Protein backbone atom coordinates (compact mmCIF):
# COMPACT_ATOMS: atom_id res chain seq x y z
CA MET A 1 95.15 140.15 78.82
CA LYS A 2 91.46 139.42 78.69
CA ILE A 3 90.04 140.03 74.93
CA ILE A 4 86.22 141.30 75.48
CA PRO A 5 84.02 141.71 73.00
CA ALA A 6 81.53 144.31 73.07
CA ILE A 7 77.77 144.19 72.20
CA ASP A 8 75.72 147.35 73.07
CA ILE A 9 72.02 147.35 72.95
CA ILE A 10 69.44 149.88 72.20
CA ASN A 11 65.68 148.98 71.80
CA GLY A 12 67.00 145.27 72.12
CA LYS A 13 68.94 145.36 69.25
CA CYS A 14 72.77 145.08 68.56
CA VAL A 15 74.07 148.58 68.09
CA ARG A 16 77.47 150.59 68.02
CA LEU A 17 77.58 154.33 68.18
CA VAL A 18 80.19 156.81 67.00
CA GLN A 19 82.25 158.52 69.24
CA GLY A 20 79.03 158.26 71.72
CA ASN A 21 76.57 160.07 69.34
CA PHE A 22 73.12 158.69 69.88
CA GLY A 23 72.48 160.19 66.53
CA LYS A 24 75.01 158.03 64.71
CA VAL A 25 73.68 154.29 65.57
CA THR A 26 74.56 151.46 63.28
CA VAL A 27 72.38 148.22 64.02
CA TYR A 28 74.70 145.30 63.43
CA SER A 29 71.89 142.83 64.54
CA LYS A 30 68.48 142.02 65.53
CA ASP A 31 69.35 138.99 67.67
CA PRO A 32 72.11 140.09 70.35
CA VAL A 33 72.00 136.65 71.72
CA LYS A 34 73.02 135.12 68.30
CA VAL A 35 75.67 137.70 68.72
CA ALA A 36 77.34 136.35 71.95
CA ARG A 37 76.85 132.94 71.27
CA GLN A 38 79.06 133.24 68.00
CA PHE A 39 81.47 135.09 70.00
CA GLU A 40 81.51 132.27 72.36
CA GLU A 41 81.57 129.95 69.45
CA ASP A 42 84.90 132.21 68.17
CA GLY A 43 86.35 131.17 71.58
CA PHE A 44 85.92 134.36 73.50
CA GLU A 45 85.48 133.87 77.29
CA PHE A 46 84.69 137.43 78.24
CA LEU A 47 81.85 139.80 77.12
CA HIS A 48 81.10 143.55 77.50
CA LEU A 49 77.40 143.94 77.61
CA VAL A 50 75.98 147.53 77.68
CA ASP A 51 72.46 148.82 77.79
CA LEU A 52 72.64 151.84 76.04
CA ASP A 53 69.01 152.66 76.67
CA GLY A 54 69.55 152.25 80.41
CA ALA A 55 72.51 154.37 80.37
CA ARG A 56 70.88 157.45 78.91
CA LEU A 57 67.70 157.11 81.07
CA GLY A 58 69.11 156.01 84.16
CA GLY A 59 67.82 152.52 84.89
CA VAL A 60 68.32 149.20 83.19
CA THR A 61 65.92 148.61 80.64
CA ASN A 62 66.79 146.00 78.53
CA TRP A 63 66.39 142.99 81.15
CA LYS A 64 65.17 140.60 78.13
CA VAL A 65 68.54 140.61 76.12
CA ILE A 66 70.55 140.65 79.98
CA GLU A 67 68.52 137.69 80.69
CA LYS A 68 69.07 135.52 77.55
CA ILE A 69 72.66 136.34 77.20
CA ALA A 70 73.19 135.02 80.60
CA GLU A 71 70.70 131.84 80.11
CA ASN A 72 72.18 130.70 76.75
CA THR A 73 75.89 131.44 76.90
CA ALA A 74 78.86 130.88 79.89
CA LEU A 75 80.46 133.94 78.94
CA LYS A 76 82.15 136.13 81.80
CA THR A 77 80.30 139.27 81.65
CA ASP A 78 80.53 142.70 82.81
CA PHE A 79 77.50 145.00 82.49
CA GLY A 80 76.63 148.97 82.08
CA GLY A 81 73.97 151.06 81.54
CA GLY A 82 71.89 152.71 84.07
CA VAL A 83 72.46 150.72 87.32
CA LYS A 84 71.14 152.75 90.22
CA THR A 85 69.76 150.33 92.79
CA ASP A 86 70.61 147.78 95.05
CA GLU A 87 67.41 145.55 93.53
CA GLU A 88 69.25 146.24 89.91
CA ILE A 89 72.48 144.85 91.33
CA GLU A 90 71.05 141.91 93.00
CA ARG A 91 68.94 140.92 89.93
CA LEU A 92 72.24 141.10 87.97
CA LEU A 93 74.27 139.13 89.96
CA GLY A 94 71.27 136.44 90.37
CA LEU A 95 71.85 135.97 86.88
CA GLY A 96 75.22 135.14 86.76
CA ILE A 97 76.52 138.55 85.50
CA ASP A 98 80.02 138.49 86.81
CA TYR A 99 80.84 142.39 87.12
CA ILE A 100 78.57 145.44 87.12
CA ASN A 101 80.05 148.71 85.77
CA ALA A 102 79.55 151.76 87.70
CA GLY A 103 79.78 155.15 85.85
CA SER A 104 77.43 157.83 86.12
CA LEU A 105 76.72 156.99 89.41
CA ALA A 106 80.25 156.60 90.85
CA VAL A 107 80.53 160.38 89.71
CA GLN A 108 77.18 161.60 91.01
CA GLN A 109 77.16 159.61 94.32
CA PRO A 110 80.38 158.35 95.43
CA ASP A 111 79.42 157.58 98.64
CA THR A 112 76.98 154.93 97.13
CA PHE A 113 79.42 153.19 95.38
CA ASN A 114 81.74 152.95 97.91
CA ALA A 115 78.81 151.32 100.03
CA TRP A 116 78.24 148.61 97.27
CA LEU A 117 81.91 147.99 97.06
CA LYS A 118 81.83 147.12 100.93
CA LYS A 119 78.00 145.42 100.97
CA TYR A 120 79.19 143.34 97.76
CA GLY A 121 82.49 143.04 97.34
CA SER A 122 85.14 145.08 94.90
CA ASP A 123 85.53 142.27 92.57
CA ASN A 124 82.16 142.10 91.41
CA PHE A 125 82.66 145.93 90.47
CA ILE A 126 84.16 147.89 87.53
CA LEU A 127 84.69 151.92 87.72
CA SER A 128 83.47 152.52 84.42
CA ALA A 129 85.19 156.05 83.49
CA ASP A 130 84.43 157.25 79.83
CA VAL A 131 86.83 160.16 78.94
CA GLN A 132 87.25 163.02 76.28
CA HIS A 133 90.88 164.31 76.82
CA GLU A 134 90.59 162.66 80.12
CA MET A 135 88.04 164.44 81.43
CA VAL A 136 84.88 162.23 82.72
CA LYS A 137 81.53 162.28 80.57
CA ILE A 138 78.28 160.70 82.01
CA SER A 139 74.70 159.98 81.37
CA GLY A 140 75.71 157.76 78.30
CA TRP A 141 78.63 160.07 77.28
CA GLN A 142 76.16 163.53 77.08
CA LYS A 143 77.53 165.21 80.23
CA GLU A 144 80.56 166.35 81.44
CA ALA A 145 81.36 165.29 85.15
CA GLY A 146 83.80 168.05 85.74
CA ILE A 147 86.40 165.46 86.96
CA SER A 148 89.29 163.83 85.59
CA VAL A 149 89.60 160.07 85.26
CA PHE A 150 92.47 160.19 87.51
CA ASP A 151 91.18 162.31 90.15
CA LEU A 152 87.70 160.18 90.10
CA ILE A 153 89.98 156.65 90.32
CA ARG A 154 91.70 158.46 93.15
CA LYS A 155 88.14 158.59 95.08
CA PHE A 156 88.13 154.76 95.32
CA LYS A 157 90.49 153.08 97.73
CA ALA A 158 88.82 150.07 97.32
CA VAL A 159 88.29 149.73 93.25
CA ARG A 160 90.04 147.07 91.76
CA HIS A 161 89.03 147.12 88.02
CA VAL A 162 88.42 150.39 85.76
CA THR A 163 87.54 150.45 82.54
CA CYS A 164 88.49 153.55 80.51
CA THR A 165 86.98 154.42 77.21
CA ASP A 166 88.50 157.36 75.37
CA ILE A 167 84.94 158.63 73.47
CA SER A 168 87.27 160.70 70.92
CA THR A 169 88.37 157.27 69.06
CA ASP A 170 85.32 154.85 69.94
CA GLY A 171 83.93 153.69 67.04
CA MET A 172 86.25 155.29 64.55
CA LEU A 173 88.85 152.49 64.03
CA ASN A 174 91.87 154.90 64.15
CA GLY A 175 93.73 153.21 66.90
CA PRO A 176 93.57 153.43 70.50
CA ASN A 177 94.67 156.18 73.01
CA ILE A 178 97.88 154.41 73.94
CA THR A 179 99.11 157.36 75.78
CA LEU A 180 96.15 157.49 77.86
CA TYR A 181 96.70 153.76 79.17
CA LYS A 182 99.94 154.33 79.88
CA LYS A 183 99.16 157.06 82.15
CA LEU A 184 96.78 155.16 83.92
CA LYS A 185 99.43 152.27 84.39
CA ILE A 186 101.93 154.62 85.70
CA LYS A 187 99.69 156.36 87.95
CA PHE A 188 97.74 153.07 89.31
CA PRO A 189 100.15 150.32 88.66
CA ASN A 190 98.20 148.05 91.06
CA LEU A 191 94.81 148.53 89.29
CA GLY A 192 93.28 146.22 86.68
CA ILE A 193 93.09 148.68 83.74
CA ILE A 194 90.50 147.60 80.44
CA ALA A 195 91.07 149.65 77.55
CA SER A 196 88.36 150.62 75.08
CA GLY A 197 87.94 152.64 72.58
CA GLY A 198 89.64 152.69 68.64
CA ILE A 199 90.95 149.54 68.81
CA SER A 200 90.92 148.61 64.96
CA THR A 201 93.68 146.17 64.19
CA ALA A 202 95.69 142.99 65.78
CA ASP A 203 98.61 145.00 66.01
CA ASP A 204 96.55 147.55 68.11
CA VAL A 205 95.75 144.62 70.39
CA GLU A 206 99.39 143.67 70.49
CA GLU A 207 100.55 147.10 71.47
CA LEU A 208 97.82 147.32 74.52
CA ASN A 209 99.44 143.77 75.63
CA TYR A 210 102.69 145.02 75.97
CA LEU A 211 101.53 147.53 78.58
CA LYS A 212 100.24 144.55 80.37
CA LEU A 213 96.56 145.74 81.22
CA GLU A 214 93.83 143.70 82.50
CA GLY A 215 91.92 143.66 79.26
CA ILE A 216 90.44 145.38 76.32
CA ILE A 217 87.37 145.54 75.18
CA ILE A 218 86.95 145.61 71.29
CA GLY A 219 83.84 146.40 69.27
CA LYS A 220 83.13 147.74 65.48
CA ALA A 221 86.58 145.97 64.83
CA LEU A 222 84.67 142.64 65.22
CA TYR A 223 81.69 143.93 63.96
CA GLU A 224 83.34 145.22 60.50
CA LYS A 225 85.92 142.30 60.56
CA THR A 226 89.26 144.80 60.83
CA ILE A 227 89.93 141.91 63.56
CA SER A 228 89.24 138.47 63.74
CA ALA A 229 89.42 135.96 66.50
CA GLU A 230 91.53 133.44 64.04
CA GLU A 231 93.81 136.51 63.55
CA LEU A 232 94.19 136.83 67.65
CA LYS A 233 94.59 132.87 67.91
CA ASN A 234 97.11 133.18 65.37
CA ARG A 235 99.13 135.81 67.27
CA ASN A 236 98.39 133.78 70.79
CA LEU A 237 96.59 136.68 71.85
CA LEU A 238 93.23 134.99 72.18
């Protein structure tokens, strides 16, 4: 199972939100590149990079940070945050970004997302579903999409990877929504499911590992040091 640390960017800074609330921002570093390099030094191989400005505004915004992280680390990076055009996709892939997350666009323009899957290949994309009570929210978690995560996934036969973030647990350090990820594994046994939201201890990581997910994304727990790379290594999770 991939252990994927998260870096969320607002105005070029590394931040975390609480339950997707842009009014509850904590700045953890003014140098996201340094944070990414530290993750790499700690033994992580993957990175979940989110342009929160881009997610809210509907177009990739923090290009300088993306470019510097791509240039200065060998982390296998998945990126999300406002990707709307072929030009953005080609620029991101050209920088060496491994996966592009499609969230709001997949909901609002499913034909475009299906065309991207065909044009660029399914392995370059992750369907990103941010959910509250199993219902999808879009535009940086600001709007209701009116569709369940299960129905959204069924729209895209070519999708191979899905990241599901449970908004109600995100940034709370209260543990992940295990029930949600069990349901996803049962309904979609052949999909690579990536869990995100609420993971706060190595025990949480262990519990999700039993579900045989493709990966998990850890954010606040690493910044608040309730999970360490050393502890994950000691448990053979990293």
